[in-house]
Each structure stands twice: as structure tokens, then as C-alpha cells.
């Protein structure tokens, strides 16, 4: 579903954001991408979704190169950024419909999906209000609903639980599980290692732009915890 092949990102000032990364995420995977602030997580994620260009190597979505066919790749992806900066002059429902229009989602399908997730996330009564009146957590819920509205094959999530209350976090985790059970794949970064350990079947640790460890969750943590493994890698 998602393949990073010798992916390297070097910024114009010479800073190496990602260095020769090779990863593969397949259907059914919830893949955790963890590292300290500035390790290269967001750099990598922005390249996966076509925001950053790629200096060397390639990234493929369902066998399609993001470098060669970015539009075709983006049709298959839903991206939830770490900061939900969205059009505050729109209402929540207008924003969802904008996303649905971009992805050419039919009226009945978008209404069904919107209702399902809006009710689950307790945002249904707020959808006709301007986004400018929303709290950070409400905006995060709206972006998550919009991510599901076009039934993507790959969810790319950058710190998706930031700003969510405990009930909403539970709903999102259950939605993530259902998504991969139905053939989707999820690649997401998080600092909440306990959540990653319980939710994900695979994990990669990035440090200074390089992957220092990757594999199944059981392979990486062995008889330890993911937090212990991560802290050991940081001190290495």
C-alpha cells in the first residue's frame, strides 16, 4: 500500500530531513512512526502526501509513484496534519462537503459517512456552525471526519490524538481498527507510546532523519515496553 524506497529529503539550506528511508506498509497495517521532535517524522509524512518534494528515492502509494503521478496518489490518501488549520469562514458541514466535492463523493455516501462519524465524535450538533467558533479539539474531530469521507485506501495521520478528549480518542482508535480490518492501511506518528504499543502491529523509530529500528511491534519491543525501547534508542 505504501512503500518508501531509499527516500531522502534534503532542504535548500542543506539540512537532511530524511536519510535513505526504506519502509513498507501493507493493507491491514497500523504502522506507528515514532521519534523525538525534529527527528524527521513530519518531513517524511509531508513527502508521503505530496507536500514536500523528494530529493532522492521514491515513495509509492498502491504501486503509484508520488513523484510521477501525485494526483493519482492523492486520490488514495487521506491526511490529518498535526495542526488542523482549516477554512474558518466555512461551517463544519461546508468544509466536509468541500472535501467530498474534491474527491467526487456522491451525496448519499457523503451524508452517510458524515452522519456516522459526526454522531460518534459528538460533533453532529456543531456542523452548521462556523469553524471559527470551534475549539482545537472540535477542529481535530472535523478533520478526522473529512479524512474518512472519501473512503481512502491509506490514512496518514500526524499526531491524530492531540486535542481529543478521552471518549473521542477511543472512537478514533476504534475507527482506525475498523478501517484496516476492511483492507485499509494507516501510517501515523504519535508521541503517546502506550497508544502506539496497544494499537499498532508495526513500528519504526526515526532518529536524526534515519530509521534506527523497524519491524513488527513484538519484534521491536520483545520482552520490554515500547517506551523502554524508544528511550534506549535515544540514549544510544
Protein backbone atom coordinates (compact mmCIF):
# COMPACT_ATOMS: atom_id res chain seq x y z
CA UNK A 1 0.00 0.00 0.00
CA UNK A 2 2.77 2.43 1.00
CA UNK A 3 6.41 1.95 0.11
CA UNK A 4 9.32 4.27 0.81
CA UNK A 5 12.28 3.39 -1.40
CA UNK A 6 15.63 4.96 -0.46
CA UNK A 7 13.66 8.10 0.37
CA UNK A 8 15.83 11.14 1.11
CA UNK A 9 14.78 14.73 1.73
CA UNK A 10 17.40 17.49 1.83
CA UNK A 11 16.22 21.05 2.39
CA UNK A 12 17.65 24.04 0.43
CA UNK A 13 19.76 25.04 3.46
CA UNK A 14 21.43 21.63 3.36
CA UNK A 15 19.62 20.15 6.34
CA UNK A 16 18.87 16.45 5.88
CA UNK A 17 15.29 15.85 6.99
CA UNK A 18 15.17 12.20 5.96
CA UNK A 19 18.10 9.97 5.04
CA UNK A 20 17.70 6.88 2.83
CA UNK A 21 14.48 5.58 4.40
CA UNK A 22 13.07 2.21 3.34
CA UNK A 23 9.71 1.16 4.76
CA UNK A 24 6.72 -0.84 3.59
CA UNK A 25 3.17 -0.61 4.94
CA UNK A 26 0.63 -3.11 3.64
CA UNK A 27 -3.16 -3.42 3.81
CA UNK A 28 -4.24 -4.24 7.35
CA UNK A 29 -1.29 -2.47 8.97
CA UNK A 30 -1.49 0.22 11.62
CA UNK A 31 2.08 1.44 11.44
CA UNK A 32 3.49 3.67 14.18
CA UNK A 33 6.20 6.17 13.25
CA UNK A 34 7.91 7.47 16.36
CA UNK A 35 10.83 9.73 17.19
CA UNK A 36 11.78 12.83 19.12
CA UNK A 37 10.82 16.33 17.99
CA UNK A 38 12.80 17.17 14.87
CA UNK A 39 13.69 13.55 14.14
CA UNK A 40 12.13 13.63 10.66
CA UNK A 41 8.60 12.35 11.23
CA UNK A 42 6.68 15.30 9.80
CA UNK A 43 9.23 15.73 6.99
CA UNK A 44 8.59 12.13 5.94
CA UNK A 45 4.82 12.40 6.29
CA UNK A 46 4.67 15.59 4.22
CA UNK A 47 6.62 13.87 1.46
CA UNK A 48 4.29 10.85 1.55
CA UNK A 49 1.26 13.09 0.98
CA UNK A 50 2.94 15.21 -1.70
CA UNK A 51 3.55 18.44 0.23
CA UNK A 52 7.36 18.11 0.32
CA UNK A 53 9.28 17.18 -2.78
CA UNK A 54 11.64 14.20 -2.75
CA UNK A 55 15.37 14.74 -3.13
CA UNK A 56 16.31 11.12 -3.80
CA UNK A 57 14.49 7.80 -3.99
CA UNK A 58 10.74 7.47 -4.33
CA UNK A 59 7.51 6.93 -2.44
CA UNK A 60 4.77 4.71 -3.87
CA UNK A 61 1.09 4.57 -2.92
CA UNK A 62 -0.54 1.33 -4.07
CA UNK A 63 2.28 0.95 -6.61
CA UNK A 64 1.97 4.52 -7.95
CA UNK A 65 4.88 6.95 -7.65
CA UNK A 66 4.06 10.16 -5.79
CA UNK A 67 6.82 11.84 -7.82
CA UNK A 68 5.45 10.82 -11.21
CA UNK A 69 1.69 10.72 -10.51
CA UNK A 70 0.94 12.91 -7.48
CA UNK A 71 -2.75 13.44 -8.32
CA UNK A 72 -3.44 9.71 -8.68
CA UNK A 73 -1.69 9.07 -5.36
CA UNK A 74 -3.60 11.80 -3.56
CA UNK A 75 -6.89 10.24 -4.64
CA UNK A 76 -5.96 7.25 -2.49
CA UNK A 77 -4.82 9.15 0.60
CA UNK A 78 -6.43 10.98 3.49
CA UNK A 79 -4.09 13.18 5.53
CA UNK A 80 -4.67 14.52 9.03
CA UNK A 81 -1.93 17.07 9.88
CA UNK A 82 -0.60 17.76 13.37
CA UNK A 83 -2.31 21.16 13.38
CA UNK A 84 -5.85 21.43 11.96
CA UNK A 85 -5.50 24.74 10.09
CA UNK A 86 -8.68 24.80 8.01
CA UNK A 87 -11.02 27.34 6.43
CA UNK A 88 -12.55 29.04 9.46
CA UNK A 89 -15.06 31.05 7.40
CA UNK A 90 -16.86 27.82 6.44
CA UNK A 91 -19.21 25.83 8.60
CA UNK A 92 -18.14 22.32 9.55
CA UNK A 93 -20.58 20.81 7.07
CA UNK A 94 -19.40 23.12 4.28
CA UNK A 95 -15.83 22.00 4.90
CA UNK A 96 -16.76 18.32 4.76
CA UNK A 97 -18.71 18.92 1.55
CA UNK A 98 -15.74 20.78 0.07
CA UNK A 99 -13.53 17.75 0.69
CA UNK A 100 -16.23 15.42 -0.63
CA UNK A 101 -16.59 17.55 -3.78
CA UNK A 102 -12.83 17.43 -4.41
CA UNK A 103 -12.91 13.64 -4.23
CA UNK A 104 -16.21 13.42 -6.16
CA UNK A 105 -18.09 11.63 -3.40
CA UNK A 106 -21.80 11.14 -4.08
CA UNK A 107 -24.45 12.89 -1.98
CA UNK A 108 -25.82 9.79 -0.29
CA UNK A 109 -22.38 8.35 0.51
CA UNK A 110 -21.04 11.58 1.99
CA UNK A 111 -24.15 12.07 4.10
CA UNK A 112 -23.95 8.52 5.45
CA UNK A 113 -20.26 8.77 6.35
CA UNK A 114 -20.60 12.27 7.80
CA UNK A 115 -23.53 11.28 9.99
CA UNK A 116 -21.77 8.13 11.23
CA UNK A 117 -18.60 9.85 12.40
CA UNK A 118 -20.16 13.16 13.46
CA UNK A 119 -22.52 11.37 15.84
CA UNK A 120 -19.75 9.09 17.14
CA UNK A 121 -17.49 12.09 17.79
CA UNK A 122 -20.36 14.20 19.16
CA UNK A 123 -19.88 16.91 16.56
CA UNK A 124 -23.21 16.50 14.75
CA UNK A 125 -24.89 19.42 16.52
CA UNK A 126 -21.99 21.73 15.63
CA UNK A 127 -21.70 21.08 11.90
CA UNK A 128 -23.79 24.09 10.88
CA UNK A 129 -21.70 26.45 12.99
CA UNK A 130 -18.67 28.36 11.62
CA UNK A 131 -15.35 26.61 12.15
CA UNK A 132 -14.11 29.89 13.67
CA UNK A 133 -16.22 29.03 16.75
CA UNK A 134 -14.67 25.55 17.12
CA UNK A 135 -12.13 24.62 19.78
CA UNK A 136 -8.90 22.88 18.73
CA UNK A 137 -10.38 19.51 19.64
CA UNK A 138 -13.51 20.17 17.59
CA UNK A 139 -11.40 21.14 14.57
CA UNK A 140 -9.42 17.94 15.00
CA UNK A 141 -12.65 15.94 15.00
CA UNK A 142 -13.78 17.72 11.84
CA UNK A 143 -10.54 16.96 10.02
CA UNK A 144 -10.81 13.31 11.03
CA UNK A 145 -14.39 13.10 9.71
CA UNK A 146 -13.21 14.69 6.46
CA UNK A 147 -10.44 12.11 6.20
CA UNK A 148 -12.96 9.27 6.17
CA UNK A 149 -15.50 10.92 3.86
CA UNK A 150 -13.95 9.74 0.57
CA UNK A 151 -13.13 6.19 1.76
CA UNK A 152 -9.35 6.36 1.16
CA UNK A 153 -7.07 3.34 0.96
CA UNK A 154 -4.36 4.93 3.10
CA UNK A 155 -4.71 7.14 6.16
CA UNK A 156 -1.69 9.28 7.01
CA UNK A 157 -2.05 10.77 10.47
CA UNK A 158 0.37 13.16 12.19
CA UNK A 159 -0.34 13.19 15.95
CA UNK A 160 -4.07 12.48 15.45
CA UNK A 161 -4.97 12.33 19.16
CA UNK A 162 -3.72 15.80 20.11
CA UNK A 163 -6.61 17.87 21.46
CA UNK A 164 -9.07 14.98 21.60
CA UNK A 165 -10.93 14.15 24.79
CA UNK A 166 -10.73 10.53 26.06
CA UNK A 167 -14.06 9.49 24.53
CA UNK A 168 -13.14 10.92 21.12
CA UNK A 169 -9.72 9.24 21.30
CA UNK A 170 -11.45 5.91 21.92
CA UNK A 171 -13.81 6.47 18.97
CA UNK A 172 -10.91 7.32 16.66
CA UNK A 173 -8.92 4.26 17.75
CA UNK A 174 -11.92 2.03 17.07
CA UNK A 175 -12.41 3.70 13.67
CA UNK A 176 -8.76 3.06 12.86
CA UNK A 177 -9.12 -0.63 13.73
CA UNK A 178 -12.25 -0.96 11.58
CA UNK A 179 -10.54 0.85 8.72
CA UNK A 180 -7.66 -1.63 8.48
CA UNK A 181 -9.95 -4.62 9.05
CA UNK A 182 -11.69 -3.54 5.83
CA UNK A 183 -8.45 -3.52 3.84
CA UNK A 184 -7.08 -0.05 4.54
CA UNK A 185 -3.65 0.86 5.89
CA UNK A 186 -2.62 3.52 8.40
CA UNK A 187 0.70 5.29 8.83
CA UNK A 188 0.78 7.60 11.80
CA UNK A 189 3.12 9.44 14.11
CA UNK A 190 2.50 9.80 17.81
CA UNK A 191 4.30 10.71 21.00
CA UNK A 192 1.83 8.63 23.01
CA UNK A 193 3.83 5.42 23.05
CA UNK A 194 1.31 3.49 25.15
CA UNK A 195 -1.31 4.05 22.44
CA UNK A 196 1.11 3.00 19.70
CA UNK A 197 2.05 -0.16 21.57
CA UNK A 198 -1.58 -1.23 22.03
CA UNK A 199 -2.92 -0.11 18.67
CA UNK A 200 -0.19 -0.84 16.13
CA UNK A 201 1.11 -4.07 14.67
CA UNK A 202 4.25 -2.48 13.19
CA UNK A 203 6.56 0.35 14.20
CA UNK A 204 9.60 2.31 13.03
CA UNK A 205 11.81 4.55 15.14
CA UNK A 206 13.43 7.50 13.40
CA UNK A 207 16.37 9.49 14.79
CA UNK A 208 18.15 12.36 13.06
CA UNK A 209 16.44 11.50 9.78
CA UNK A 210 17.43 7.82 9.83
CA UNK A 211 15.43 4.71 10.63
CA UNK A 212 17.25 3.06 13.51
CA UNK A 213 14.73 0.28 14.14
CA UNK A 214 11.69 -1.13 12.35
CA UNK A 215 9.60 -4.28 12.33
CA UNK A 216 6.57 -5.80 13.98
CA UNK A 217 5.67 -4.44 17.39
CA UNK A 218 6.58 -7.76 19.02
CA UNK A 219 9.95 -7.85 17.26
CA UNK A 220 10.85 -4.33 18.34
CA UNK A 221 9.75 -4.36 21.96
CA UNK A 222 10.46 -8.06 22.70
CA UNK A 223 10.09 -8.52 26.47
CA UNK A 224 10.26 -4.80 27.13
CA UNK A 225 7.88 -1.89 26.51
CA UNK A 226 7.91 0.39 23.50
CA UNK A 227 8.72 3.30 25.81
CA UNK A 228 11.80 1.50 27.15
CA UNK A 229 12.95 0.61 23.64
CA UNK A 230 12.47 4.19 22.48
CA UNK A 231 14.36 5.66 25.44
CA UNK A 232 17.22 3.20 24.94
CA UNK A 233 17.43 4.21 21.26
CA UNK A 234 17.54 7.88 22.22
CA UNK A 235 20.42 7.27 24.60
CA UNK A 236 22.37 5.08 22.19
